[in-house]
Amino acid sequence: MKKFINNDESFICSNCKKYVEKLNYTSRDHCPYCLYSKHVDINPGDRLNTCKGLLIPIDIEPFKGTYKIIYKCEKCGTIHKNIIATDDNMDKIIELSTKK
């Protein structure tokens, strides 16, 4: 079972360069504007992964009444999933869901 560490931090997105505020209800793990993330965790919130590659959103899947964004790391090729956040850009979510 994955160990969750609450690590809600603001950051500058490595992809779109926008300032991203804390989420304030769980750990922020991706940019709400472009949906990109960074390969920084081994277990959610631990920030111990040395890869640090850009996680590119490639798809979306249903998950417990909401959705998960599916990512592929540009550096190591790992597939990773993050639950969408309430402030995510819904146009980008829809765009991902129709990329089939």
Protein backbone atom coordinates (compact mmCIF):
# COMPACT_ATOMS: atom_id res chain seq x y z
CA MET A 1 0.00 0.00 0.00
CA LYS A 2 1.30 3.45 -0.91
CA LYS A 3 2.14 5.75 1.95
CA PHE A 4 0.61 9.25 1.56
CA ILE A 5 2.46 12.29 2.86
CA ASN A 6 0.46 15.52 2.80
CA ASN A 7 2.79 17.91 1.02
CA ASP A 8 0.66 20.77 -0.32
CA GLU A 9 3.03 23.37 -1.76
CA SER A 10 2.78 26.19 -4.26
CA PHE A 11 5.18 26.00 -7.22
CA ILE A 12 6.06 27.33 -10.67
CA CYS A 13 4.93 24.88 -13.38
CA SER A 14 7.90 23.42 -15.28
CA ASN A 15 5.80 23.30 -18.45
CA CYS A 16 3.69 26.49 -18.71
CA LYS A 17 5.72 28.52 -16.15
CA LYS A 18 2.60 29.75 -14.32
CA TYR A 19 2.54 30.19 -10.55
CA VAL A 20 0.39 27.46 -8.96
CA GLU A 21 -1.18 28.04 -5.53
CA LYS A 22 -1.53 25.37 -2.83
CA LEU A 23 -4.63 23.21 -3.22
CA ASN A 24 -5.63 23.57 0.46
CA TYR A 25 -7.54 20.27 0.75
CA THR A 26 -4.89 17.69 -0.27
CA SER A 27 -1.42 17.68 -1.80
CA ARG A 28 -1.12 19.61 -5.06
CA ASP A 29 0.49 17.24 -7.58
CA HIS A 30 0.00 18.88 -10.97
CA CYS A 31 -0.59 22.22 -12.68
CA PRO A 32 -4.31 23.14 -12.91
CA TYR A 33 -3.66 25.23 -16.04
CA CYS A 34 -1.83 22.82 -18.39
CA LEU A 35 -2.27 19.61 -16.28
CA TYR A 36 1.45 18.74 -16.46
CA SER A 37 3.20 17.33 -13.41
CA LYS A 38 6.74 16.48 -12.37
CA HIS A 39 8.12 13.04 -11.51
CA VAL A 40 9.14 13.90 -7.93
CA ASP A 41 7.45 11.28 -5.73
CA ILE A 42 8.07 7.61 -5.04
CA ASN A 43 5.08 7.50 -2.67
CA PRO A 44 2.55 10.35 -2.87
CA GLY A 45 3.96 13.53 -1.32
CA ASP A 46 7.40 12.19 -0.33
CA ARG A 47 9.36 14.16 -3.00
CA LEU A 48 12.06 11.42 -2.98
CA ASN A 49 12.15 10.46 -6.68
CA THR A 50 15.43 11.48 -8.31
CA CYS A 51 14.02 11.36 -11.87
CA LYS A 52 12.47 14.88 -11.83
CA GLY A 53 11.25 14.41 -15.43
CA LEU A 54 8.21 16.22 -16.78
CA LEU A 55 5.02 14.13 -16.54
CA ILE A 56 3.07 14.69 -19.74
CA PRO A 57 -0.72 14.20 -19.57
CA ILE A 58 -1.63 11.55 -22.17
CA ASP A 59 -5.10 10.31 -21.19
CA ILE A 60 -7.83 10.33 -18.56
CA GLU A 61 -9.75 7.52 -16.84
CA PRO A 62 -12.78 7.30 -14.52
CA PHE A 63 -11.97 6.82 -10.83
CA LYS A 64 -14.46 6.58 -7.92
CA GLY A 65 -16.90 9.19 -9.21
CA THR A 66 -14.17 11.49 -10.54
CA TYR A 67 -11.21 11.07 -12.93
CA LYS A 68 -7.49 10.40 -12.94
CA ILE A 69 -5.05 11.99 -15.34
CA ILE A 70 -2.68 9.45 -16.87
CA TYR A 71 0.88 10.69 -17.37
CA LYS A 72 3.98 9.46 -19.12
CA CYS A 73 7.35 10.68 -17.86
CA GLU A 74 9.33 12.29 -20.67
CA LYS A 75 12.60 11.24 -19.02
CA CYS A 76 12.15 7.64 -17.81
CA GLY A 77 8.91 6.58 -19.55
CA THR A 78 7.08 5.64 -16.32
CA ILE A 79 3.29 5.81 -16.42
CA HIS A 80 1.82 7.69 -13.44
CA LYS A 81 -1.73 8.68 -12.43
CA ASN A 82 -3.07 11.65 -10.44
CA ILE A 83 -6.65 12.41 -9.39
CA ILE A 84 -7.99 15.61 -10.95
CA ALA A 85 -8.30 18.66 -8.70
CA THR A 86 -11.38 20.85 -8.29
CA ASP A 87 -9.66 23.82 -9.96
CA ASP A 88 -8.26 21.95 -12.99
CA ASN A 89 -8.81 23.44 -16.44
CA MET A 90 -11.90 21.49 -17.61
CA ASP A 91 -11.20 22.37 -21.26
CA LYS A 92 -7.86 20.54 -20.93
CA ILE A 93 -9.58 17.58 -19.19
CA ILE A 94 -12.13 17.36 -22.04
CA GLU A 95 -9.35 17.67 -24.62
CA LEU A 96 -7.54 14.72 -22.99
CA SER A 97 -10.71 12.62 -22.91
CA THR A 98 -11.29 13.05 -26.65
CA LYS A 99 -7.71 12.22 -27.77
CA LYS A 100 -8.54 8.68 -28.91
